[in-house]
Amino acid sequence: MSRRMDTRMNPIPMKLSLGPVLFFWSRDDILRFYAEAAEWPLDTLYLGEVVCGRRQQLRSQDWISLAADLASTGREVVLSCQALIESESDLKRLRKMVDNGQLAIEANDLGAVRLANEKKLPFVAGTHLNIYNADTLALMSRLGAYRWLPPVEMGRDTLAALLEAARGQQLEIDTEVFAWGRLPLALSSRCFTARHYNLNKDDCQFRCLEHPDGLRLDTREGQPFLAINGIQTMSDGCHALLPRLEELHAAGAGRARISPQAQGTEAVVQAFRQRLDGQDGSGSLLDDLRAQAPGELVDGYWRGQAGIQALEETH
């Protein structure tokens, strides 16, 4: 019997979000992408430069104006802020995002948390804040966080235990889990892409534009291992929790995040929406998405294993 005959499953009461574009795309590509994303079945859109302050195809006011336009469609729109603040110019851009006067921010740096708190601006505590326990989560809530993202390496059992402890403290905060895309693992003051091309960071020639899904890094044995994205190290594999959405909900997550990719993001969004709405089984949906993923599908971190482990499908 074909797997595609299993077309009905129970709906999952979770919301769907589109994370910020983590890669360096041209201005035209960014504007085209969000014009299309405005029509997709999403509850929340995040946008802004998270990785590198040199990526200024869109400046702070451009991001704010684009976010305001998207918010007019009735979706929740959040401005994502840079994760590694290295200079006064980075701080200036951060202040402008916080001072936007309309929209919440995603704080990926403690400086952003402080500024949002001072302005009484609600914020999302991003994955780069590395929240590993209920006490830290409670602190972020007191400072103004209404939602948080666990570190991408946090597994199902650890997340469930943390949220149980949070409920014991009468803490009510929305949990959003990174559910699709190359995992953002670490940031450095050095630019790996520039180094790959034997260029200085300050004269990188914006080579990241040539790698819209990152630059694959293999081991000496030729095995795909990581992807480099400017100053960011990412997984080569595509973290895929589509078959695990029931587990996300059972652990206490209220929202799943899709990270944009250069091609096929709409198909990913539609697949997740179908599964959340109970319209199709995740097996056939995954078959459709494998060819569009930027790397092998993996879910090891969610299962408490090495993140590079291939997706273990549920049946």
C-alpha atoms as a PDB file:
ATOM      1  CA  MET A   1       0.000   0.000   0.000  1.00  0.00           C
ATOM      2  CA  SER A   2       1.357   3.436  -0.904  1.00  0.00           C
ATOM      3  CA  ARG A   3       2.290   5.729   1.968  1.00  0.00           C
ATOM      4  CA  ARG A   4       0.407   8.494   0.183  1.00  0.00           C
ATOM      5  CA  MET A   5      -2.892   6.784   1.012  1.00  0.00           C
ATOM      6  CA  ASP A   6      -2.349   7.763   4.678  1.00  0.00           C
ATOM      7  CA  THR A   7      -3.667  11.271   4.218  1.00  0.00           C
ATOM      8  CA  ARG A   8      -5.476  12.132   7.460  1.00  0.00           C
ATOM      9  CA  MET A   9      -3.977  12.726  10.893  1.00  0.00           C
ATOM     10  CA  ASN A  10      -5.063  14.668  13.931  1.00  0.00           C
ATOM     11  CA  PRO A  11      -4.466  18.451  13.826  1.00  0.00           C
ATOM     12  CA  ILE A  12      -1.746  19.799  16.104  1.00  0.00           C
ATOM     13  CA  PRO A  13      -2.605  23.050  17.962  1.00  0.00           C
ATOM     14  CA  MET A  14       0.630  24.899  17.234  1.00  0.00           C
ATOM     15  CA  LYS A  15       1.483  28.066  15.335  1.00  0.00           C
ATOM     16  CA  LEU A  16       3.954  28.406  12.496  1.00  0.00           C
ATOM     17  CA  SER A  17       6.642  31.030  12.145  1.00  0.00           C
ATOM     18  CA  LEU A  18       9.210  32.006   9.517  1.00  0.00           C
ATOM     19  CA  GLY A  19      12.564  32.889  11.026  1.00  0.00           C
ATOM     20  CA  PRO A  20      14.860  35.629   9.720  1.00  0.00           C
ATOM     21  CA  VAL A  21      16.960  35.006   6.633  1.00  0.00           C
ATOM     22  CA  LEU A  22      20.331  33.935   8.045  1.00  0.00           C
ATOM     23  CA  PHE A  23      22.186  34.129   4.725  1.00  0.00           C
ATOM     24  CA  PHE A  24      23.342  37.077   2.651  1.00  0.00           C
ATOM     25  CA  TRP A  25      20.894  37.641  -0.199  1.00  0.00           C
ATOM     26  CA  SER A  26      20.650  40.601  -2.538  1.00  0.00           C
ATOM     27  CA  ARG A  27      18.192  43.368  -1.818  1.00  0.00           C
ATOM     28  CA  ASP A  28      16.001  42.326  -4.737  1.00  0.00           C
ATOM     29  CA  ASP A  29      15.969  38.710  -3.566  1.00  0.00           C
ATOM     30  CA  ILE A  30      15.035  39.713  -0.023  1.00  0.00           C
ATOM     31  CA  LEU A  31      12.183  41.959  -1.161  1.00  0.00           C
ATOM     32  CA  ARG A  32      10.927  39.315  -3.575  1.00  0.00           C
ATOM     33  CA  PHE A  33      11.101  36.642  -0.882  1.00  0.00           C
ATOM     34  CA  TYR A  34       9.024  38.602   1.625  1.00  0.00           C
ATOM     35  CA  ALA A  35       6.518  39.681  -1.010  1.00  0.00           C
ATOM     36  CA  GLU A  36       5.890  35.987  -1.596  1.00  0.00           C
ATOM     37  CA  ALA A  37       6.026  35.066   2.111  1.00  0.00           C
ATOM     38  CA  ALA A  38       3.253  37.573   2.820  1.00  0.00           C
ATOM     39  CA  GLU A  39       0.898  35.152   1.037  1.00  0.00           C
ATOM     40  CA  TRP A  40       1.999  31.998   2.859  1.00  0.00           C
ATOM     41  CA  PRO A  41       0.000  30.387   5.718  1.00  0.00           C
ATOM     42  CA  LEU A  42       2.187  31.727   8.532  1.00  0.00           C
ATOM     43  CA  ASP A  43       1.339  33.145  11.929  1.00  0.00           C
ATOM     44  CA  THR A  44       4.573  35.066  12.516  1.00  0.00           C
ATOM     45  CA  LEU A  45       7.352  36.481  10.365  1.00  0.00           C
ATOM     46  CA  TYR A  46      10.770  37.475  11.681  1.00  0.00           C
ATOM     47  CA  LEU A  47      13.055  39.686   9.640  1.00  0.00           C
ATOM     48  CA  GLY A  48      16.315  41.548  10.067  1.00  0.00           C
ATOM     49  CA  GLU A  49      20.057  40.966   9.877  1.00  0.00           C
ATOM     50  CA  VAL A  50      21.129  38.508  12.569  1.00  0.00           C
ATOM     51  CA  VAL A  51      24.609  37.419  11.452  1.00  0.00           C
ATOM     52  CA  CYS A  52      26.895  40.162  10.123  1.00  0.00           C
ATOM     53  CA  GLY A  53      26.884  43.952  10.365  1.00  0.00           C
ATOM     54  CA  ARG A  54      28.612  44.235   6.971  1.00  0.00           C
ATOM     55  CA  ARG A  55      25.543  42.839   5.252  1.00  0.00           C
ATOM     56  CA  GLN A  56      23.777  46.078   4.437  1.00  0.00           C
ATOM     57  CA  GLN A  57      21.866  45.440   1.247  1.00  0.00           C
ATOM     58  CA  LEU A  58      19.006  46.514   3.497  1.00  0.00           C
ATOM     59  CA  ARG A  59      19.704  49.019   6.261  1.00  0.00           C
ATOM     60  CA  SER A  60      17.894  49.261   9.578  1.00  0.00           C
ATOM     61  CA  GLN A  61      15.200  51.642   8.304  1.00  0.00           C
ATOM     62  CA  ASP A  62      14.616  49.380   5.302  1.00  0.00           C
ATOM     63  CA  TRP A  63      13.994  46.413   7.593  1.00  0.00           C
ATOM     64  CA  ILE A  64      11.680  48.496   9.782  1.00  0.00           C
ATOM     65  CA  SER A  65       9.678  49.750   6.794  1.00  0.00           C
ATOM     66  CA  LEU A  66       9.425  46.257   5.320  1.00  0.00           C
ATOM     67  CA  ALA A  67       8.314  44.872   8.687  1.00  0.00           C
ATOM     68  CA  ALA A  68       5.627  47.553   8.997  1.00  0.00           C
ATOM     69  CA  ASP A  69       4.323  46.672   5.523  1.00  0.00           C
ATOM     70  CA  LEU A  70       4.148  42.987   6.432  1.00  0.00           C
ATOM     71  CA  ALA A  71       2.427  43.763   9.734  1.00  0.00           C
ATOM     72  CA  SER A  72      -0.360  45.450   7.786  1.00  0.00           C
ATOM     73  CA  THR A  73      -1.374  41.987   6.514  1.00  0.00           C
ATOM     74  CA  GLY A  74      -2.488  41.080  10.045  1.00  0.00           C
ATOM     75  CA  ARG A  75       0.384  38.710  10.863  1.00  0.00           C
ATOM     76  CA  GLU A  76       2.640  39.080  13.861  1.00  0.00           C
ATOM     77  CA  VAL A  77       5.924  40.581  12.644  1.00  0.00           C
ATOM     78  CA  VAL A  78       9.084  40.687  14.771  1.00  0.00           C
ATOM     79  CA  LEU A  79      12.353  42.506  14.049  1.00  0.00           C
ATOM     80  CA  SER A  80      15.308  40.166  14.586  1.00  0.00           C
ATOM     81  CA  CYS A  81      18.464  41.829  15.906  1.00  0.00           C
ATOM     82  CA  GLN A  82      22.118  41.026  15.323  1.00  0.00           C
ATOM     83  CA  ALA A  83      23.529  38.272  17.520  1.00  0.00           C
ATOM     84  CA  LEU A  84      27.145  39.425  17.855  1.00  0.00           C
ATOM     85  CA  ILE A  85      27.583  43.140  18.545  1.00  0.00           C
ATOM     86  CA  GLU A  86      31.185  44.091  17.748  1.00  0.00           C
ATOM     87  CA  SER A  87      31.264  47.826  17.068  1.00  0.00           C
ATOM     88  CA  GLU A  88      29.573  51.145  17.694  1.00  0.00           C
ATOM     89  CA  SER A  89      27.960  50.929  14.264  1.00  0.00           C
ATOM     90  CA  ASP A  90      26.440  47.555  15.243  1.00  0.00           C
ATOM     91  CA  LEU A  91      25.127  49.122  18.438  1.00  0.00           C
ATOM     92  CA  LYS A  92      23.690  52.063  16.509  1.00  0.00           C
ATOM     93  CA  ARG A  93      21.742  49.682  14.273  1.00  0.00           C
ATOM     94  CA  LEU A  94      20.516  47.787  17.313  1.00  0.00           C
ATOM     95  CA  ARG A  95      19.264  50.982  18.957  1.00  0.00           C
ATOM     96  CA  LYS A  96      17.386  51.916  15.803  1.00  0.00           C
ATOM     97  CA  MET A  97      15.657  48.537  15.709  1.00  0.00           C
ATOM     98  CA  VAL A  98      14.655  48.830  19.369  1.00  0.00           C
ATOM     99  CA  ASP A  99      13.413  52.381  18.786  1.00  0.00           C
ATOM    100  CA  ASN A 100      11.191  51.355  15.866  1.00  0.00           C
ATOM    101  CA  GLY A 101       8.164  52.426  17.905  1.00  0.00           C
ATOM    102  CA  GLN A 102       5.801  49.723  16.694  1.00  0.00           C
ATOM    103  CA  LEU A 103       7.096  46.165  16.607  1.00  0.00           C
ATOM    104  CA  ALA A 104       8.595  43.721  19.085  1.00  0.00           C
ATOM    105  CA  ILE A 105      12.160  42.553  18.569  1.00  0.00           C
ATOM    106  CA  GLU A 106      13.917  39.220  18.712  1.00  0.00           C
ATOM    107  CA  ALA A 107      16.861  39.736  21.070  1.00  0.00           C
ATOM    108  CA  ASN A 108      19.890  37.629  20.198  1.00  0.00           C
ATOM    109  CA  ASP A 109      22.312  39.529  22.421  1.00  0.00           C
ATOM    110  CA  LEU A 110      22.087  40.650  26.048  1.00  0.00           C
ATOM    111  CA  GLY A 111      22.586  44.230  24.905  1.00  0.00           C
ATOM    112  CA  ALA A 112      19.327  43.948  22.982  1.00  0.00           C
ATOM    113  CA  VAL A 113      17.629  42.563  26.090  1.00  0.00           C
ATOM    114  CA  ARG A 114      18.808  45.558  28.119  1.00  0.00           C
ATOM    115  CA  LEU A 115      17.707  48.117  25.544  1.00  0.00           C
ATOM    116  CA  ALA A 116      14.301  46.468  25.113  1.00  0.00           C
ATOM    117  CA  ASN A 117      13.829  46.390  28.884  1.00  0.00           C
ATOM    118  CA  GLU A 118      14.732  50.073  29.186  1.00  0.00           C
ATOM    119  CA  LYS A 119      12.203  50.948  26.472  1.00  0.00           C
ATOM    120  CA  LYS A 120       9.536  48.625  27.946  1.00  0.00           C
ATOM    121  CA  LEU A 121       9.480  46.862  24.583  1.00  0.00           C
ATOM    122  CA  PRO A 122       8.283  43.236  24.541  1.00  0.00           C
ATOM    123  CA  PHE A 123      10.801  40.888  22.997  1.00  0.00           C
ATOM    124  CA  VAL A 124      11.413  37.326  21.898  1.00  0.00           C
ATOM    125  CA  ALA A 125      14.424  35.725  23.592  1.00  0.00           C
ATOM    126  CA  GLY A 126      16.322  34.276  20.641  1.00  0.00           C
ATOM    127  CA  THR A 127      18.200  31.001  20.544  1.00  0.00           C
ATOM    128  CA  HIS A 128      21.574  32.796  20.746  1.00  0.00           C
ATOM    129  CA  LEU A 129      20.805  33.863  24.334  1.00  0.00           C
ATOM    130  CA  ASN A 130      21.463  30.239  25.359  1.00  0.00           C
ATOM    131  CA  ILE A 131      18.707  29.744  27.926  1.00  0.00           C
ATOM    132  CA  TYR A 132      19.232  26.339  29.531  1.00  0.00           C
ATOM    133  CA  ASN A 133      17.145  26.407  32.720  1.00  0.00           C
ATOM    134  CA  ALA A 134      13.879  27.671  34.156  1.00  0.00           C
ATOM    135  CA  ASP A 135      15.534  30.295  36.377  1.00  0.00           C
ATOM    136  CA  THR A 136      17.161  32.001  33.410  1.00  0.00           C
ATOM    137  CA  LEU A 137      13.893  31.778  31.488  1.00  0.00           C
ATOM    138  CA  ALA A 138      12.085  33.402  34.423  1.00  0.00           C
ATOM    139  CA  LEU A 139      14.654  36.221  34.443  1.00  0.00           C
ATOM    140  CA  MET A 140      14.071  36.856  30.742  1.00  0.00           C
ATOM    141  CA  SER A 141      10.339  36.900  31.353  1.00  0.00           C
ATOM    142  CA  ARG A 142      10.743  39.515  34.080  1.00  0.00           C
ATOM    143  CA  LEU A 143      12.820  41.623  31.693  1.00  0.00           C
ATOM    144  CA  GLY A 144      10.034  41.570  29.103  1.00  0.00           C
ATOM    145  CA  ALA A 145      10.298  38.366  27.063  1.00  0.00           C
ATOM    146  CA  TYR A 146       6.937  36.965  25.983  1.00  0.00           C
ATOM    147  CA  ARG A 147       8.407  34.138  23.897  1.00  0.00           C
ATOM    148  CA  TRP A 148      11.687  32.238  23.781  1.00  0.00           C
ATOM    149  CA  LEU A 149      13.605  29.835  21.585  1.00  0.00           C
ATOM    150  CA  PRO A 150      15.624  27.046  23.214  1.00  0.00           C
ATOM    151  CA  PRO A 151      19.220  26.544  22.062  1.00  0.00           C
ATOM    152  CA  VAL A 152      19.109  24.449  18.902  1.00  0.00           C
ATOM    153  CA  GLU A 153      20.959  21.550  20.564  1.00  0.00           C
ATOM    154  CA  MET A 154      18.340  21.187  23.323  1.00  0.00           C
ATOM    155  CA  GLY A 155      16.563  17.865  23.018  1.00  0.00           C
ATOM    156  CA  ARG A 156      12.982  16.827  23.621  1.00  0.00           C
ATOM    157  CA  ASP A 157      13.447  15.451  27.151  1.00  0.00           C
ATOM    158  CA  THR A 158      15.504  18.412  28.364  1.00  0.00           C
ATOM    159  CA  LEU A 159      12.987  20.877  26.970  1.00  0.00           C
ATOM    160  CA  ALA A 160      10.054  19.055  28.537  1.00  0.00           C
ATOM    161  CA  ALA A 161      11.779  19.036  31.943  1.00  0.00           C
ATOM    162  CA  LEU A 162      12.667  22.722  31.681  1.00  0.00           C
ATOM    163  CA  LEU A 163       9.108  23.709  30.806  1.00  0.00           C
ATOM    164  CA  GLU A 164       7.729  21.565  33.623  1.00  0.00           C
ATOM    165  CA  ALA A 165      10.030  23.421  36.032  1.00  0.00           C
ATOM    166  CA  ALA A 166       8.872  26.727  34.533  1.00  0.00           C
ATOM    167  CA  ARG A 167       5.243  25.804  35.121  1.00  0.00           C
ATOM    168  CA  GLY A 168       6.173  25.015  38.709  1.00  0.00           C
ATOM    169  CA  GLN A 169       7.255  28.659  38.997  1.00  0.00           C
ATOM    170  CA  GLN A 170       3.910  29.772  37.493  1.00  0.00           C
ATOM    171  CA  LEU A 171       5.835  31.068  34.493  1.00  0.00           C
ATOM    172  CA  GLU A 172       3.761  31.583  31.367  1.00  0.00           C
ATOM    173  CA  ILE A 173       5.813  32.171  28.236  1.00  0.00           C
ATOM    174  CA  ASP A 174       5.434  30.949  24.660  1.00  0.00           C
ATOM    175  CA  THR A 175       8.004  28.430  23.439  1.00  0.00           C
ATOM    176  CA  GLU A 176       9.127  28.349  19.820  1.00  0.00           C
ATOM    177  CA  VAL A 177      11.333  25.546  18.512  1.00  0.00           C
ATOM    178  CA  PHE A 178      13.657  25.690  15.503  1.00  0.00           C
ATOM    179  CA  ALA A 179      12.029  23.005  13.356  1.00  0.00           C
ATOM    180  CA  TRP A 180      13.486  23.275   9.856  1.00  0.00           C
ATOM    181  CA  GLY A 181      16.737  24.430   8.291  1.00  0.00           C
ATOM    182  CA  ARG A 182      20.482  24.468   8.703  1.00  0.00           C
ATOM    183  CA  LEU A 183      21.158  24.898  12.407  1.00  0.00           C
ATOM    184  CA  PRO A 184      22.864  28.131  13.530  1.00  0.00           C
ATOM    185  CA  LEU A 185      25.555  26.676  15.794  1.00  0.00           C
ATOM    186  CA  ALA A 186      28.115  29.359  16.654  1.00  0.00           C
ATOM    187  CA  LEU A 187      29.404  32.841  15.847  1.00  0.00           C
ATOM    188  CA  SER A 188      32.966  34.102  15.687  1.00  0.00           C
ATOM    189  CA  SER A 189      34.690  37.465  15.351  1.00  0.00           C
ATOM    190  CA  ARG A 190      36.446  35.954  12.305  1.00  0.00           C
ATOM    191  CA  CYS A 191      34.825  35.555   8.907  1.00  0.00           C
ATOM    192  CA  PHE A 192      35.189  31.999   7.686  1.00  0.00           C
ATOM    193  CA  THR A 193      33.924  32.752   4.193  1.00  0.00           C
ATOM    194  CA  ALA A 194      36.498  35.520   3.730  1.00  0.00           C
ATOM    195  CA  ARG A 195      39.220  33.200   4.961  1.00  0.00           C
ATOM    196  CA  HIS A 196      38.103  30.523   2.510  1.00  0.00           C
ATOM    197  CA  TYR A 197      38.825  33.017  -0.281  1.00  0.00           C
ATOM    198  CA  ASN A 198      42.058  34.247   1.359  1.00  0.00           C
ATOM    199  CA  LEU A 199      40.515  37.652   2.028  1.00  0.00           C
ATOM    200  CA  ASN A 200      40.541  39.883   5.079  1.00  0.00           C
ATOM    201  CA  LYS A 201      37.285  40.240   6.958  1.00  0.00           C
ATOM    202  CA  ASP A 202      37.162  43.988   6.279  1.00  0.00           C
ATOM    203  CA  ASP A 203      37.725  43.346   2.571  1.00  0.00           C
ATOM    204  CA  CYS A 204      35.551  40.270   2.164  1.00  0.00           C
ATOM    205  CA  GLN A 205      34.173  41.434  -1.209  1.00  0.00           C
ATOM    206  CA  PHE A 206      30.822  40.188   0.089  1.00  0.00           C
ATOM    207  CA  ARG A 207      31.551  36.667  -1.104  1.00  0.00           C
ATOM    208  CA  CYS A 208      28.653  35.368   1.014  1.00  0.00           C
ATOM    209  CA  LEU A 209      26.381  36.552  -1.797  1.00  0.00           C
ATOM    210  CA  GLU A 210      27.750  33.656  -3.850  1.00  0.00           C
ATOM    211  CA  HIS A 211      26.508  31.121  -1.290  1.00  0.00           C
ATOM    212  CA  PRO A 212      22.789  31.747  -0.629  1.00  0.00           C
ATOM    213  CA  ASP A 213      22.530  28.635   1.586  1.00  0.00           C
ATOM    214  CA  GLY A 214      26.036  28.807   3.060  1.00  0.00           C
ATOM    215  CA  LEU A 215      29.287  27.195   1.931  1.00  0.00           C
ATOM    216  CA  ARG A 216      29.600  23.466   2.624  1.00  0.00           C
ATOM    217  CA  LEU A 217      32.579  22.313   4.671  1.00  0.00           C
ATOM    218  CA  ASP A 218      33.611  18.663   4.313  1.00  0.00           C
ATOM    219  CA  THR A 219      35.831  16.563   6.535  1.00  0.00           C
ATOM    220  CA  ARG A 220      39.198  15.361   5.206  1.00  0.00           C
ATOM    221  CA  GLU A 221      37.446  12.131   4.279  1.00  0.00           C
ATOM    222  CA  GLY A 222      35.034  14.076   2.095  1.00  0.00           C
ATOM    223  CA  GLN A 223      32.003  13.757   4.398  1.00  0.00           C
ATOM    224  CA  PRO A 224      29.695  16.805   4.549  1.00  0.00           C
ATOM    225  CA  PHE A 225      30.021  18.187   8.062  1.00  0.00           C
ATOM    226  CA  LEU A 226      29.297  21.902   8.504  1.00  0.00           C
ATOM    227  CA  ALA A 227      28.324  24.952   6.493  1.00  0.00           C
ATOM    228  CA  ILE A 228      30.021  28.311   6.852  1.00  0.00           C
ATOM    229  CA  ASN A 229      28.009  31.493   6.559  1.00  0.00           C
ATOM    230  CA  GLY A 230      30.360  34.425   7.035  1.00  0.00           C
ATOM    231  CA  ILE A 231      31.124  34.584  10.759  1.00  0.00           C
ATOM    232  CA  GLN A 232      28.553  31.883  11.474  1.00  0.00           C
ATOM    233  CA  THR A 233      29.073  28.129  11.658  1.00  0.00           C
ATOM    234  CA  MET A 234      26.021  26.064  10.748  1.00  0.00           C
ATOM    235  CA  SER A 235      25.139  22.421  10.373  1.00  0.00           C
ATOM    236  CA  ASP A 236      25.459  20.964   6.901  1.00  0.00           C
ATOM    237  CA  GLY A 237      22.403  18.819   7.561  1.00  0.00           C
ATOM    238  CA  CYS A 238      18.906  20.255   7.477  1.00  0.00           C
ATOM    239  CA  HIS A 239      17.250  19.948  10.889  1.00  0.00           C
ATOM    240  CA  ALA A 240      13.804  18.520  10.107  1.00  0.00           C
ATOM    241  CA  LEU A 241      11.203  18.158  12.850  1.00  0.00           C
ATOM    242  CA  LEU A 242       8.187  17.774  10.583  1.00  0.00           C
ATOM    243  CA  PRO A 243       7.606  14.178  11.792  1.00  0.00           C
ATOM    244  CA  ARG A 244       8.129  15.342  15.397  1.00  0.00           C
ATOM    245  CA  LEU A 245       5.494  18.069  15.641  1.00  0.00           C
ATOM    246  CA  GLU A 246       3.334  15.996  17.996  1.00  0.00           C
ATOM    247  CA  GLU A 247       6.377  15.634  20.259  1.00  0.00           C
ATOM    248  CA  LEU A 248       7.027  19.371  20.153  1.00  0.00           C
ATOM    249  CA  HIS A 249       3.478  20.015  21.260  1.00  0.00           C
ATOM    250  CA  ALA A 250       3.631  17.329  23.976  1.00  0.00           C
ATOM    251  CA  ALA A 251       6.866  18.852  25.335  1.00  0.00           C
ATOM    252  CA  GLY A 252       5.129  22.219  25.693  1.00  0.00           C
ATOM    253  CA  ALA A 253       6.112  24.103  22.527  1.00  0.00           C
ATOM    254  CA  GLY A 254       3.473  26.348  21.032  1.00  0.00           C
ATOM    255  CA  ARG A 255       5.207  27.310  17.815  1.00  0.00           C
ATOM    256  CA  ALA A 256       7.494  25.790  15.171  1.00  0.00           C
ATOM    257  CA  ARG A 257      10.063  27.874  13.276  1.00  0.00           C
ATOM    258  CA  ILE A 258      11.053  27.392   9.650  1.00  0.00           C
ATOM    259  CA  SER A 259      14.378  28.945   8.667  1.00  0.00           C
ATOM    260  CA  PRO A 260      14.376  30.382   5.126  1.00  0.00           C
ATOM    261  CA  GLN A 261      16.406  28.735   2.379  1.00  0.00           C
ATOM    262  CA  ALA A 262      17.239  29.988  -1.103  1.00  0.00           C
ATOM    263  CA  GLN A 263      14.818  27.635  -2.881  1.00  0.00           C
ATOM    264  CA  GLY A 264      11.735  25.772  -1.773  1.00  0.00           C
ATOM    265  CA  THR A 265      10.802  27.660   1.400  1.00  0.00           C
ATOM    266  CA  GLU A 266       7.186  27.922   0.324  1.00  0.00           C
ATOM    267  CA  ALA A 267       6.990  24.145  -0.105  1.00  0.00           C
ATOM    268  CA  VAL A 268       8.367  23.689   3.413  1.00  0.00           C
ATOM    269  CA  VAL A 269       5.834  26.139   4.852  1.00  0.00           C
ATOM    270  CA  GLN A 270       2.960  24.422   3.058  1.00  0.00           C
ATOM    271  CA  ALA A 271       4.094  20.989   4.272  1.00  0.00           C
ATOM    272  CA  PHE A 272       4.273  22.123   7.890  1.00  0.00           C
ATOM    273  CA  ARG A 273       0.900  23.824   7.605  1.00  0.00           C
ATOM    274  CA  GLN A 274      -0.662  20.700   6.138  1.00  0.00           C
ATOM    275  CA  ARG A 275       0.682  18.592   8.982  1.00  0.00           C
ATOM    276  CA  LEU A 276      -0.432  21.073  11.667  1.00  0.00           C
ATOM    277  CA  ASP A 277      -3.880  21.157  10.107  1.00  0.00           C
ATOM    278  CA  GLY A 278      -4.036  17.348   9.965  1.00  0.00           C
ATOM    279  CA  GLN A 279      -4.339  17.275   6.193  1.00  0.00           C
ATOM    280  CA  ASP A 280      -1.580  14.768   5.433  1.00  0.00           C
ATOM    281  CA  GLY A 281       0.799  12.288   6.990  1.00  0.00           C
ATOM    282  CA  SER A 282       4.339  13.525   7.545  1.00  0.00           C
ATOM    283  CA  GLY A 283       5.881  10.621   5.623  1.00  0.00           C
ATOM    284  CA  SER A 284       4.602  11.663   2.207  1.00  0.00           C
ATOM    285  CA  LEU A 285       5.310  15.316   2.948  1.00  0.00           C
ATOM    286  CA  LEU A 286       8.924  14.522   3.800  1.00  0.00           C
ATOM    287  CA  ASP A 287       9.289  12.624   0.531  1.00  0.00           C
ATOM    288  CA  ASP A 288       8.346  15.824  -1.266  1.00  0.00           C
ATOM    289  CA  LEU A 289      10.793  17.979   0.699  1.00  0.00           C
ATOM    290  CA  ARG A 290      13.958  15.887   0.707  1.00  0.00           C
ATOM    291  CA  ALA A 291      15.085  17.093  -2.705  1.00  0.00           C
ATOM    292  CA  GLN A 292      14.613  20.722  -1.695  1.00  0.00           C
ATOM    293  CA  ALA A 293      16.513  20.567   1.595  1.00  0.00           C
ATOM    294  CA  PRO A 294      19.971  22.223   1.598  1.00  0.00           C
ATOM    295  CA  GLY A 295      21.501  19.080   3.131  1.00  0.00           C
ATOM    296  CA  GLU A 296      20.663  15.643   4.490  1.00  0.00           C
ATOM    297  CA  LEU A 297      17.687  15.637   6.835  1.00  0.00           C
ATOM    298  CA  VAL A 298      18.793  15.308  10.480  1.00  0.00           C
ATOM    299  CA  ASP A 299      17.123  15.358  13.892  1.00  0.00           C
ATOM    300  CA  GLY A 300      19.757  13.994  16.275  1.00  0.00           C
ATOM    301  CA  TYR A 301      19.720  16.888  18.718  1.00  0.00           C
ATOM    302  CA  TRP A 302      15.980  16.560  19.258  1.00  0.00           C
ATOM    303  CA  ARG A 303      16.448  12.891  20.192  1.00  0.00           C
ATOM    304  CA  GLY A 304      19.292  13.667  22.600  1.00  0.00           C
ATOM    305  CA  GLN A 305      21.910  12.372  20.170  1.00  0.00           C
ATOM    306  CA  ALA A 306      24.606  13.954  17.995  1.00  0.00           C
ATOM    307  CA  GLY A 307      22.997  16.593  15.829  1.00  0.00           C
ATOM    308  CA  ILE A 308      24.513  15.130  12.655  1.00  0.00           C
ATOM    309  CA  GLN A 309      22.511  11.901  12.973  1.00  0.00           C
ATOM    310  CA  ALA A 310      20.152  11.318  10.080  1.00  0.00           C
ATOM    311  CA  LEU A 311      16.440  11.817  10.512  1.00  0.00           C
ATOM    312  CA  GLU A 312      14.761   8.957  12.336  1.00  0.00           C
ATOM    313  CA  GLU A 313      11.313   8.824  10.861  1.00  0.00           C
ATOM    314  CA  THR A 314       8.235   7.970  12.896  1.00  0.00           C
ATOM    315  CA  HIS A 315       5.503   5.720  11.628  1.00  0.00           C
END
